[in-house]
Amino acid sequence: MADFAGTRRAATLPTMRIARGLAAFRIFVGLVWLGNALAKVVNQGSYDLGVVSFSLISRDTARGLLESYTGPESNAIAPLKSVYSDLVLANWGVFQWLLTATELAVGISLVVGIASRLGPLLALALIFPLWVMVIDNGRYLFEWPLDIVPLAILAAVPAGRVWGQDGKLAARFGDRWPF
């Protein structure tokens, strides 16, 4: 009979190592959201830093994506397509700034670790309807889950309690602090 005592001990990580890993994950996801939010603030999507060039989602790019998701070639679900084309795109002057402010709030929430479960919930509220709307558009299978799964994990776990302000608030308010 095999002895699994050594294996069990090696497979058990200290709680703080796991918490630090989730905190690092939270900060990384927050930087992604903060980067795209800042690209919307300045409405610039393409960047060239000399050694690296990259793109982020600016306000113009976000509008273009919504137009393609609701356009004639789109297989989007009709009610959501109507909401985005008749409400959001028709009032883009207001919605572009709501989108920018929400992305800034999500990014700051995750990077700073304050209300670190609320930030991912806001992000999910932004992208989940889009995901449902374009689920039948023949996109790359793992494109949307790469956005949704990390946010769902961060919404479920109080990752802001390590390396974040949620830890200080939880110490002060105890079980009454929900994040």
Foldseek 3Di string as FASTA:
>chain_A
DDDCPVVVVVPDDDPVVVLVVLLVLLLVLLVLLQVLLVCQVVQHFWDDPPVDIGGHQYLVNVLVVLCVLLDPLAPFDVVLSCCCVVPCNVPVVVNSVVSSVLSNVLSCCRNQLPVQLVSLVSVCVVCVSSCNGRVPVPDDPCPVVVSNVSSVVRNVDSSSLPNHPLVVVCVVVPPVSPD
